[in-house]
Each structure stands twice: as C-alpha cells, then as structure tokens.
Amino acid sequence: MNIGLNDYLFLSALLFAIGFFGVLLRKNTLVIYMCLELMLVAVTLALVAFSRYNGTMDGNVFVFFILTVAAAEVAVGLAIIVALFRRRQTVQVDELNALRN
C-alpha cells in the first residue's frame, strides 16, 4: 500500500477540523488551547506533506521554525491561563470577563 499526498492532506484536514470545532464548541480554556495546538500540528503536517511531494526541504525547515514558535506559545499561553485561574478561580470561558474589570 502506497500512502500518497491525498492521504496526508485528508488527515491534516481532519485534524484541523477537529481542532476548529473544538475551539468553537468547548468552554474550558485548556481544551481550547489544546485544540489550537492541534490545528497548528495539522498545518505543519500539510506543510511537510507538500514538501515531501515536491522533493524539497523547504517545508522541513519551516517545521523547525514552527516548533520553536509553538514552544514559546505554549509557555506564554499556559502562563496566561494559570494567571487567569489564580485571579478568577475558574478556567471556563463563559465565566471569564477579564476585559470588563
């Protein structure tokens, strides 16, 4: 069995859709954050698939930059979520109205 570009793109689209609907439907900030990371992984998978299909290393180089930015994003995002939890004692999106106060 030969796995082609269409299979990788289908998997990437499926992961992106799961992450997208998770962001839209969930109320917990940690779950929303994980869904955003899932969307980032889906885009990275598509980038690597296109890079492999074209026979270049451009996509693989971009993946290292994406992973670096994602690591910084995780650190900052989790710090913001922890700070919100310490201040408001909840991580539910509908109970957080930090911009009002």
PDB file of N, CA and C in Angstrom:
ATOM      1  N   MET A   1       0.844  -1.178   0.000  1.00  0.00           N
ATOM      2  CA  MET A   1       0.000   0.000   0.000  1.00  0.00           C
ATOM      3  C   MET A   1       0.883   1.233   0.000  1.00  0.00           C
ATOM      4  N   ASN A   2       0.575   2.146  -0.873  1.00  0.00           N
ATOM      5  CA  ASN A   2       1.371   3.355  -1.022  1.00  0.00           C
ATOM      6  C   ASN A   2       0.566   4.544  -0.496  1.00  0.00           C
ATOM      7  N   ILE A   3       1.137   5.258   0.446  1.00  0.00           N
ATOM      8  CA  ILE A   3       0.470   6.434   1.016  1.00  0.00           C
ATOM      9  C   ILE A   3       0.896   7.650   0.218  1.00  0.00           C
ATOM     10  N   GLY A   4      -0.069   8.348  -0.340  1.00  0.00           N
ATOM     11  CA  GLY A   4       0.209   9.492  -1.195  1.00  0.00           C
ATOM     12  C   GLY A   4      -0.096  10.816  -0.528  1.00  0.00           C
ATOM     13  N   LEU A   5       0.024  11.857  -1.307  1.00  0.00           N
ATOM     14  CA  LEU A   5      -0.208  13.216  -0.811  1.00  0.00           C
ATOM     15  C   LEU A   5      -1.656  13.400  -0.363  1.00  0.00           C
ATOM     16  N   ASN A   6      -2.590  12.808  -1.076  1.00  0.00           N
ATOM     17  CA  ASN A   6      -4.002  12.959  -0.717  1.00  0.00           C
ATOM     18  C   ASN A   6      -4.298  12.414   0.676  1.00  0.00           C
ATOM     19  N   ASP A   7      -3.662  11.316   1.038  1.00  0.00           N
ATOM     20  CA  ASP A   7      -3.885  10.737   2.364  1.00  0.00           C
ATOM     21  C   ASP A   7      -3.384  11.667   3.465  1.00  0.00           C
ATOM     22  N   TYR A   8      -2.217  12.240   3.256  1.00  0.00           N
ATOM     23  CA  TYR A   8      -1.673  13.181   4.245  1.00  0.00           C
ATOM     24  C   TYR A   8      -2.549  14.429   4.356  1.00  0.00           C
ATOM     25  N   LEU A   9      -2.994  14.927   3.222  1.00  0.00           N
ATOM     26  CA  LEU A   9      -3.844  16.119   3.249  1.00  0.00           C
ATOM     27  C   LEU A   9      -5.213  15.836   3.858  1.00  0.00           C
ATOM     28  N   PHE A  10      -5.744  14.641   3.635  1.00  0.00           N
ATOM     29  CA  PHE A  10      -7.005  14.268   4.272  1.00  0.00           C
ATOM     30  C   PHE A  10      -6.841  14.201   5.788  1.00  0.00           C
ATOM     31  N   LEU A  11      -5.767  13.583   6.257  1.00  0.00           N
ATOM     32  CA  LEU A  11      -5.506  13.514   7.690  1.00  0.00           C
ATOM     33  C   LEU A  11      -5.297  14.909   8.275  1.00  0.00           C
ATOM     34  N   SER A  12      -4.595  15.744   7.547  1.00  0.00           N
ATOM     35  CA  SER A  12      -4.366  17.111   8.010  1.00  0.00           C
ATOM     36  C   SER A  12      -5.676  17.889   8.086  1.00  0.00           C
ATOM     37  N   ALA A  13      -6.518  17.746   7.087  1.00  0.00           N
ATOM     38  CA  ALA A  13      -7.820  18.433   7.098  1.00  0.00           C
ATOM     39  C   ALA A  13      -8.703  17.910   8.222  1.00  0.00           C
ATOM     40  N   LEU A  14      -8.658  16.612   8.479  1.00  0.00           N
ATOM     41  CA  LEU A  14      -9.444  16.027   9.562  1.00  0.00           C
ATOM     42  C   LEU A  14      -8.976  16.554  10.918  1.00  0.00           C
ATOM     43  N   LEU A  15      -7.667  16.589  11.144  1.00  0.00           N
ATOM     44  CA  LEU A  15      -7.134  17.120  12.402  1.00  0.00           C
ATOM     45  C   LEU A  15      -7.482  18.597  12.567  1.00  0.00           C
ATOM     46  N   PHE A  16      -7.381  19.346  11.472  1.00  0.00           N
ATOM     47  CA  PHE A  16      -7.713  20.765  11.544  1.00  0.00           C
ATOM     48  C   PHE A  16      -9.188  20.971  11.863  1.00  0.00           C
ATOM     49  N   ALA A  17     -10.050  20.166  11.256  1.00  0.00           N
ATOM     50  CA  ALA A  17     -11.484  20.291  11.519  1.00  0.00           C
ATOM     51  C   ALA A  17     -11.823  19.933  12.961  1.00  0.00           C
ATOM     52  N   ILE A  18     -11.193  18.890  13.497  1.00  0.00           N
ATOM     53  CA  ILE A  18     -11.417  18.533  14.899  1.00  0.00           C
ATOM     54  C   ILE A  18     -10.989  19.678  15.805  1.00  0.00           C
ATOM     55  N   GLY A  19      -9.829  20.256  15.529  1.00  0.00           N
ATOM     56  CA  GLY A  19      -9.359  21.384  16.326  1.00  0.00           C
ATOM     57  C   GLY A  19     -10.250  22.596  16.182  1.00  0.00           C
ATOM     58  N   PHE A  20     -10.712  22.871  14.980  1.00  0.00           N
ATOM     59  CA  PHE A  20     -11.563  24.032  14.733  1.00  0.00           C
ATOM     60  C   PHE A  20     -12.882  23.921  15.483  1.00  0.00           C
ATOM     61  N   PHE A  21     -13.526  22.769  15.365  1.00  0.00           N
ATOM     62  CA  PHE A  21     -14.795  22.594  16.055  1.00  0.00           C
ATOM     63  C   PHE A  21     -14.605  22.508  17.567  1.00  0.00           C
ATOM     64  N   GLY A  22     -13.441  22.031  18.000  1.00  0.00           N
ATOM     65  CA  GLY A  22     -13.142  22.039  19.430  1.00  0.00           C
ATOM     66  C   GLY A  22     -13.032  23.453  19.969  1.00  0.00           C
ATOM     67  N   VAL A  23     -12.430  24.343  19.196  1.00  0.00           N
ATOM     68  CA  VAL A  23     -12.331  25.748  19.612  1.00  0.00           C
ATOM     69  C   VAL A  23     -13.711  26.390  19.662  1.00  0.00           C
ATOM     70  N   LEU A  24     -14.548  26.079  18.696  1.00  0.00           N
ATOM     71  CA  LEU A  24     -15.880  26.687  18.649  1.00  0.00           C
ATOM     72  C   LEU A  24     -16.822  26.166  19.729  1.00  0.00           C
ATOM     73  N   LEU A  25     -16.721  24.888  20.079  1.00  0.00           N
ATOM     74  CA  LEU A  25     -17.727  24.264  20.920  1.00  0.00           C
ATOM     75  C   LEU A  25     -17.343  24.128  22.393  1.00  0.00           C
ATOM     76  N   ARG A  26     -16.093  24.186  22.723  1.00  0.00           N
ATOM     77  CA  ARG A  26     -15.669  23.944  24.104  1.00  0.00           C
ATOM     78  C   ARG A  26     -15.700  25.215  24.922  1.00  0.00           C
ATOM     79  N   LYS A  27     -15.815  25.032  26.239  1.00  0.00           N
ATOM     80  CA  LYS A  27     -15.875  26.160  27.172  1.00  0.00           C
ATOM     81  C   LYS A  27     -14.640  26.265  28.050  1.00  0.00           C
ATOM     82  N   ASN A  28     -13.850  25.210  28.144  1.00  0.00           N
ATOM     83  CA  ASN A  28     -12.671  25.187  29.001  1.00  0.00           C
ATOM     84  C   ASN A  28     -11.478  25.768  28.239  1.00  0.00           C
ATOM     85  N   THR A  29     -10.774  26.707  28.849  1.00  0.00           N
ATOM     86  CA  THR A  29      -9.663  27.356  28.146  1.00  0.00           C
ATOM     87  C   THR A  29      -8.521  26.393  27.850  1.00  0.00           C
ATOM     88  N   LEU A  30      -8.286  25.419  28.711  1.00  0.00           N
ATOM     89  CA  LEU A  30      -7.221  24.449  28.438  1.00  0.00           C
ATOM     90  C   LEU A  30      -7.558  23.580  27.224  1.00  0.00           C
ATOM     91  N   VAL A  31      -8.807  23.171  27.111  1.00  0.00           N
ATOM     92  CA  VAL A  31      -9.219  22.360  25.963  1.00  0.00           C
ATOM     93  C   VAL A  31      -9.173  23.199  24.691  1.00  0.00           C
ATOM     94  N   ILE A  32      -9.574  24.438  24.768  1.00  0.00           N
ATOM     95  CA  ILE A  32      -9.492  25.331  23.607  1.00  0.00           C
ATOM     96  C   ILE A  32      -8.040  25.503  23.180  1.00  0.00           C
ATOM     97  N   TYR A  33      -7.168  25.644  24.149  1.00  0.00           N
ATOM     98  CA  TYR A  33      -5.737  25.794  23.853  1.00  0.00           C
ATOM     99  C   TYR A  33      -5.181  24.531  23.195  1.00  0.00           C
ATOM    100  N   MET A  34      -5.588  23.368  23.679  1.00  0.00           N
ATOM    101  CA  MET A  34      -5.143  22.115  23.057  1.00  0.00           C
ATOM    102  C   MET A  34      -5.678  21.982  21.638  1.00  0.00           C
ATOM    103  N   CYS A  35      -6.889  22.444  21.398  1.00  0.00           N
ATOM    104  CA  CYS A  35      -7.453  22.401  20.048  1.00  0.00           C
ATOM    105  C   CYS A  35      -6.708  23.346  19.105  1.00  0.00           C
ATOM    106  N   LEU A  36      -6.290  24.489  19.611  1.00  0.00           N
ATOM    107  CA  LEU A  36      -5.472  25.396  18.800  1.00  0.00           C
ATOM    108  C   LEU A  36      -4.137  24.752  18.432  1.00  0.00           C
ATOM    109  N   GLU A  37      -3.542  24.050  19.387  1.00  0.00           N
ATOM    110  CA  GLU A  37      -2.285  23.355  19.103  1.00  0.00           C
ATOM    111  C   GLU A  37      -2.511  22.232  18.090  1.00  0.00           C
ATOM    112  N   LEU A  38      -3.660  21.561  18.162  1.00  0.00           N
ATOM    113  CA  LEU A  38      -3.982  20.520  17.188  1.00  0.00           C
ATOM    114  C   LEU A  38      -4.103  21.106  15.785  1.00  0.00           C
ATOM    115  N   MET A  39      -4.670  22.288  15.684  1.00  0.00           N
ATOM    116  CA  MET A  39      -4.757  22.960  14.390  1.00  0.00           C
ATOM    117  C   MET A  39      -3.366  23.309  13.870  1.00  0.00           C
ATOM    118  N   LEU A  40      -2.475  23.733  14.751  1.00  0.00           N
ATOM    119  CA  LEU A  40      -1.106  24.044  14.346  1.00  0.00           C
ATOM    120  C   LEU A  40      -0.384  22.792  13.852  1.00  0.00           C
ATOM    121  N   VAL A  41      -0.591  21.675  14.512  1.00  0.00           N
ATOM    122  CA  VAL A  41       0.014  20.413  14.082  1.00  0.00           C
ATOM    123  C   VAL A  41      -0.534  19.984  12.722  1.00  0.00           C
ATOM    124  N   ALA A  42      -1.810  20.204  12.489  1.00  0.00           N
ATOM    125  CA  ALA A  42      -2.415  19.849  11.203  1.00  0.00           C
ATOM    126  C   ALA A  42      -1.794  20.649  10.063  1.00  0.00           C
ATOM    127  N   VAL A  43      -1.590  21.928  10.287  1.00  0.00           N
ATOM    128  CA  VAL A  43      -0.967  22.766   9.262  1.00  0.00           C
ATOM    129  C   VAL A  43       0.481  22.340   9.034  1.00  0.00           C
ATOM    130  N   THR A  44       1.168  21.983  10.096  1.00  0.00           N
ATOM    131  CA  THR A  44       2.550  21.524   9.979  1.00  0.00           C
ATOM    132  C   THR A  44       2.624  20.224   9.190  1.00  0.00           C
ATOM    133  N   LEU A  45       1.688  19.318   9.434  1.00  0.00           N
ATOM    134  CA  LEU A  45       1.644  18.061   8.687  1.00  0.00           C
ATOM    135  C   LEU A  45       1.421  18.313   7.196  1.00  0.00           C
ATOM    136  N   ALA A  46       0.530  19.224   6.870  1.00  0.00           N
ATOM    137  CA  ALA A  46       0.295  19.551   5.459  1.00  0.00           C
ATOM    138  C   ALA A  46       1.539  20.163   4.828  1.00  0.00           C
ATOM    139  N   LEU A  47       2.233  21.007   5.572  1.00  0.00           N
ATOM    140  CA  LEU A  47       3.452  21.627   5.051  1.00  0.00           C
ATOM    141  C   LEU A  47       4.524  20.583   4.754  1.00  0.00           C
ATOM    142  N   VAL A  48       4.691  19.627   5.648  1.00  0.00           N
ATOM    143  CA  VAL A  48       5.676  18.561   5.433  1.00  0.00           C
ATOM    144  C   VAL A  48       5.244  17.669   4.269  1.00  0.00           C
ATOM    145  N   ALA A  49       3.955  17.405   4.150  1.00  0.00           N
ATOM    146  CA  ALA A  49       3.473  16.571   3.043  1.00  0.00           C
ATOM    147  C   ALA A  49       3.743  17.235   1.699  1.00  0.00           C
ATOM    148  N   PHE A  50       3.468  18.535   1.602  1.00  0.00           N
ATOM    149  CA  PHE A  50       3.761  19.247   0.351  1.00  0.00           C
ATOM    150  C   PHE A  50       5.259  19.289   0.076  1.00  0.00           C
ATOM    151  N   SER A  51       6.053  19.447   1.115  1.00  0.00           N
ATOM    152  CA  SER A  51       7.498  19.465   0.942  1.00  0.00           C
ATOM    153  C   SER A  51       8.007  18.127   0.423  1.00  0.00           C
ATOM    154  N   ARG A  52       7.479  17.051   0.973  1.00  0.00           N
ATOM    155  CA  ARG A  52       7.899  15.721   0.526  1.00  0.00           C
ATOM    156  C   ARG A  52       7.429  15.458  -0.902  1.00  0.00           C
ATOM    157  N   TYR A  53       6.221  15.907  -1.210  1.00  0.00           N
ATOM    158  CA  TYR A  53       5.671  15.701  -2.552  1.00  0.00           C
ATOM    159  C   TYR A  53       6.500  16.435  -3.598  1.00  0.00           C
ATOM    160  N   ASN A  54       6.945  17.642  -3.275  1.00  0.00           N
ATOM    161  CA  ASN A  54       7.743  18.422  -4.222  1.00  0.00           C
ATOM    162  C   ASN A  54       9.217  18.042  -4.221  1.00  0.00           C
ATOM    163  N   GLY A  55       9.646  17.262  -3.245  1.00  0.00           N
ATOM    164  CA  GLY A  55      11.041  16.822  -3.194  1.00  0.00           C
ATOM    165  C   GLY A  55      11.998  17.895  -2.711  1.00  0.00           C
ATOM    166  N   THR A  56      11.501  18.861  -1.952  1.00  0.00           N
ATOM    167  CA  THR A  56      12.362  19.918  -1.423  1.00  0.00           C
ATOM    168  C   THR A  56      12.444  19.804   0.093  1.00  0.00           C
ATOM    169  N   MET A  57      13.337  20.548   0.675  1.00  0.00           N
ATOM    170  CA  MET A  57      13.497  20.569   2.127  1.00  0.00           C
ATOM    171  C   MET A  57      12.913  21.837   2.741  1.00  0.00           C
ATOM    172  N   ASP A  58      12.266  22.664   1.936  1.00  0.00           N
ATOM    173  CA  ASP A  58      11.740  23.934   2.430  1.00  0.00           C
ATOM    174  C   ASP A  58      10.726  23.730   3.554  1.00  0.00           C
ATOM    175  N   GLY A  59       9.799  22.810   3.360  1.00  0.00           N
ATOM    176  CA  GLY A  59       8.787  22.555   4.384  1.00  0.00           C
ATOM    177  C   GLY A  59       9.383  22.036   5.666  1.00  0.00           C
ATOM    178  N   ASN A  60      10.408  21.200   5.555  1.00  0.00           N
ATOM    179  CA  ASN A  60      11.056  20.661   6.749  1.00  0.00           C
ATOM    180  C   ASN A  60      11.776  21.751   7.529  1.00  0.00           C
ATOM    181  N   VAL A  61      12.334  22.709   6.843  1.00  0.00           N
ATOM    182  CA  VAL A  61      12.992  23.827   7.517  1.00  0.00           C
ATOM    183  C   VAL A  61      11.961  24.686   8.240  1.00  0.00           C
ATOM    184  N   PHE A  62      10.829  24.914   7.582  1.00  0.00           N
ATOM    185  CA  PHE A  62       9.761  25.696   8.216  1.00  0.00           C
ATOM    186  C   PHE A  62       9.224  25.002   9.459  1.00  0.00           C
ATOM    187  N   VAL A  63       9.229  23.677   9.469  1.00  0.00           N
ATOM    188  CA  VAL A  63       8.729  22.939  10.628  1.00  0.00           C
ATOM    189  C   VAL A  63       9.562  23.255  11.861  1.00  0.00           C
ATOM    190  N   PHE A  64      10.861  23.381  11.719  1.00  0.00           N
ATOM    191  CA  PHE A  64      11.694  23.721  12.870  1.00  0.00           C
ATOM    192  C   PHE A  64      11.347  25.102  13.416  1.00  0.00           C
ATOM    193  N   PHE A  65      11.068  26.045  12.532  1.00  0.00           N
ATOM    194  CA  PHE A  65      10.650  27.372  12.993  1.00  0.00           C
ATOM    195  C   PHE A  65       9.270  27.313  13.659  1.00  0.00           C
ATOM    196  N   ILE A  66       8.367  26.529  13.093  1.00  0.00           N
ATOM    197  CA  ILE A  66       7.033  26.387  13.665  1.00  0.00           C
ATOM    198  C   ILE A  66       7.116  25.755  15.052  1.00  0.00           C
ATOM    199  N   LEU A  67       7.945  24.736  15.206  1.00  0.00           N
ATOM    200  CA  LEU A  67       8.093  24.093  16.516  1.00  0.00           C
ATOM    201  C   LEU A  67       8.695  25.042  17.539  1.00  0.00           C
ATOM    202  N   THR A  68       9.608  25.881  17.113  1.00  0.00           N
ATOM    203  CA  THR A  68      10.196  26.856  18.025  1.00  0.00           C
ATOM    204  C   THR A  68       9.157  27.871  18.487  1.00  0.00           C
ATOM    205  N   VAL A  69       8.378  28.368  17.561  1.00  0.00           N
ATOM    206  CA  VAL A  69       7.330  29.323  17.914  1.00  0.00           C
ATOM    207  C   VAL A  69       6.259  28.649  18.772  1.00  0.00           C
ATOM    208  N   ALA A  70       5.936  27.392  18.468  1.00  0.00           N
ATOM    209  CA  ALA A  70       4.930  26.667  19.248  1.00  0.00           C
ATOM    210  C   ALA A  70       5.386  26.451  20.684  1.00  0.00           C
ATOM    211  N   ALA A  71       6.667  26.192  20.889  1.00  0.00           N
ATOM    212  CA  ALA A  71       7.175  26.014  22.252  1.00  0.00           C
ATOM    213  C   ALA A  71       7.058  27.307  23.050  1.00  0.00           C
ATOM    214  N   ALA A  72       7.369  28.416  22.422  1.00  0.00           N
ATOM    215  CA  ALA A  72       7.217  29.711  23.103  1.00  0.00           C
ATOM    216  C   ALA A  72       5.742  30.015  23.344  1.00  0.00           C
ATOM    217  N   GLU A  73       4.900  29.654  22.399  1.00  0.00           N
ATOM    218  CA  GLU A  73       3.462  29.875  22.531  1.00  0.00           C
ATOM    219  C   GLU A  73       2.888  29.072  23.690  1.00  0.00           C
ATOM    220  N   VAL A  74       3.329  27.852  23.851  1.00  0.00           N
ATOM    221  CA  VAL A  74       2.858  27.021  24.953  1.00  0.00           C
ATOM    222  C   VAL A  74       3.253  27.633  26.290  1.00  0.00           C
ATOM    223  N   ALA A  75       4.471  28.090  26.395  1.00  0.00           N
ATOM    224  CA  ALA A  75       4.925  28.680  27.656  1.00  0.00           C
ATOM    225  C   ALA A  75       4.120  29.930  28.006  1.00  0.00           C
ATOM    226  N   VAL A  76       3.923  30.797  27.053  1.00  0.00           N
ATOM    227  CA  VAL A  76       3.185  32.036  27.307  1.00  0.00           C
ATOM    228  C   VAL A  76       1.701  31.748  27.530  1.00  0.00           C
ATOM    229  N   GLY A  77       1.126  30.892  26.727  1.00  0.00           N
ATOM    230  CA  GLY A  77      -0.295  30.576  26.845  1.00  0.00           C
ATOM    231  C   GLY A  77      -0.633  29.926  28.169  1.00  0.00           C
ATOM    232  N   LEU A  78       0.168  28.965  28.600  1.00  0.00           N
ATOM    233  CA  LEU A  78      -0.102  28.329  29.883  1.00  0.00           C
ATOM    234  C   LEU A  78       0.117  29.285  31.043  1.00  0.00           C
ATOM    235  N   ALA A  79       1.066  30.182  30.919  1.00  0.00           N
ATOM    236  CA  ALA A  79       1.271  31.181  31.975  1.00  0.00           C
ATOM    237  C   ALA A  79       0.057  32.100  32.078  1.00  0.00           C
ATOM    238  N   ILE A  80      -0.519  32.481  30.958  1.00  0.00           N
ATOM    239  CA  ILE A  80      -1.723  33.319  30.979  1.00  0.00           C
ATOM    240  C   ILE A  80      -2.897  32.559  31.587  1.00  0.00           C
ATOM    241  N   ILE A  81      -3.057  31.292  31.236  1.00  0.00           N
ATOM    242  CA  ILE A  81      -4.152  30.501  31.785  1.00  0.00           C
ATOM    243  C   ILE A  81      -3.986  30.314  33.292  1.00  0.00           C
ATOM    244  N   VAL A  82      -2.768  30.067  33.756  1.00  0.00           N
ATOM    245  CA  VAL A  82      -2.529  29.923  35.195  1.00  0.00           C
ATOM    246  C   VAL A  82      -2.805  31.241  35.920  1.00  0.00           C
ATOM    247  N   ALA A  83      -2.404  32.348  35.330  1.00  0.00           N
ATOM    248  CA  ALA A  83      -2.669  33.650  35.953  1.00  0.00           C
ATOM    249  C   ALA A  83      -4.174  33.937  36.015  1.00  0.00           C
ATOM    250  N   LEU A  84      -4.902  33.588  34.966  1.00  0.00           N
ATOM    251  CA  LEU A  84      -6.357  33.754  34.991  1.00  0.00           C
ATOM    252  C   LEU A  84      -7.000  32.872  36.056  1.00  0.00           C
ATOM    253  N   PHE A  85      -6.511  31.656  36.173  1.00  0.00           N
ATOM    254  CA  PHE A  85      -7.080  30.758  37.182  1.00  0.00           C
ATOM    255  C   PHE A  85      -6.797  31.263  38.593  1.00  0.00           C
ATOM    256  N   ARG A  86      -5.616  31.755  38.831  1.00  0.00           N
ATOM    257  CA  ARG A  86      -5.290  32.271  40.163  1.00  0.00           C
ATOM    258  C   ARG A  86      -6.126  33.488  40.515  1.00  0.00           C
ATOM    259  N   ARG A  87      -6.431  34.293  39.533  1.00  0.00           N
ATOM    260  CA  ARG A  87      -7.201  35.507  39.806  1.00  0.00           C
ATOM    261  C   ARG A  87      -8.698  35.252  39.880  1.00  0.00           C
ATOM    262  N   ARG A  88      -9.236  34.425  38.989  1.00  0.00           N
ATOM    263  CA  ARG A  88     -10.677  34.228  38.889  1.00  0.00           C
ATOM    264  C   ARG A  88     -11.161  32.898  39.473  1.00  0.00           C
ATOM    265  N   GLN A  89     -10.274  31.959  39.751  1.00  0.00           N
ATOM    266  CA  GLN A  89     -10.599  30.632  40.281  1.00  0.00           C
ATOM    267  C   GLN A  89     -11.451  29.797  39.320  1.00  0.00           C
ATOM    268  N   THR A  90     -11.344  30.046  38.048  1.00  0.00           N
ATOM    269  CA  THR A  90     -12.041  29.255  37.041  1.00  0.00           C
ATOM    270  C   THR A  90     -11.285  29.343  35.721  1.00  0.00           C
ATOM    271  N   VAL A  91     -11.504  28.332  34.875  1.00  0.00           N
ATOM    272  CA  VAL A  91     -10.935  28.355  33.524  1.00  0.00           C
ATOM    273  C   VAL A  91     -12.032  28.236  32.475  1.00  0.00           C
ATOM    274  N   GLN A  92     -13.280  28.415  32.875  1.00  0.00           N
ATOM    275  CA  GLN A  92     -14.403  28.366  31.944  1.00  0.00           C
ATOM    276  C   GLN A  92     -14.506  29.704  31.204  1.00  0.00           C
ATOM    277  N   VAL A  93     -14.613  29.633  29.890  1.00  0.00           N
ATOM    278  CA  VAL A  93     -14.590  30.832  29.061  1.00  0.00           C
ATOM    279  C   VAL A  93     -15.790  31.734  29.346  1.00  0.00           C
ATOM    280  N   ASP A  94     -16.963  31.148  29.550  1.00  0.00           N
ATOM    281  CA  ASP A  94     -18.144  31.972  29.747  1.00  0.00           C
ATOM    282  C   ASP A  94     -18.154  32.683  31.103  1.00  0.00           C
ATOM    283  N   GLU A  95     -17.328  32.241  32.038  1.00  0.00           N
ATOM    284  CA  GLU A  95     -17.236  32.909  33.338  1.00  0.00           C
ATOM    285  C   GLU A  95     -16.096  33.929  33.405  1.00  0.00           C
ATOM    286  N   LEU A  96     -15.257  33.936  32.395  1.00  0.00           N
ATOM    287  CA  LEU A  96     -14.130  34.884  32.358  1.00  0.00           C
ATOM    288  C   LEU A  96     -14.553  36.131  31.595  1.00  0.00           C
ATOM    289  N   ASN A  97     -14.577  37.244  32.262  1.00  0.00           N
ATOM    290  CA  ASN A  97     -14.853  38.527  31.610  1.00  0.00           C
ATOM    291  C   ASN A  97     -13.775  39.511  32.054  1.00  0.00           C
ATOM    292  N   ALA A  98     -12.536  39.126  31.794  1.00  0.00           N
ATOM    293  CA  ALA A  98     -11.382  39.897  32.277  1.00  0.00           C
ATOM    294  C   ALA A  98     -11.304  41.291  31.674  1.00  0.00           C
ATOM    295  N   LEU A  99     -11.872  41.503  30.509  1.00  0.00           N
ATOM    296  CA  LEU A  99     -11.777  42.809  29.878  1.00  0.00           C
ATOM    297  C   LEU A  99     -12.764  43.805  30.456  1.00  0.00           C
ATOM    298  N   ARG A 100     -13.779  43.318  31.160  1.00  0.00           N
ATOM    299  CA  ARG A 100     -14.734  44.241  31.768  1.00  0.00           C
ATOM    300  C   ARG A 100     -14.166  44.939  32.985  1.00  0.00           C
ATOM    301  N   ASN A 101     -13.423  44.245  33.794  1.00  0.00           N
ATOM    302  CA  ASN A 101     -12.914  44.797  35.059  1.00  0.00           C
ATOM    303  C   ASN A 101     -11.521  45.352  34.925  1.00  0.00           C
TER     304      ASN A 101
END
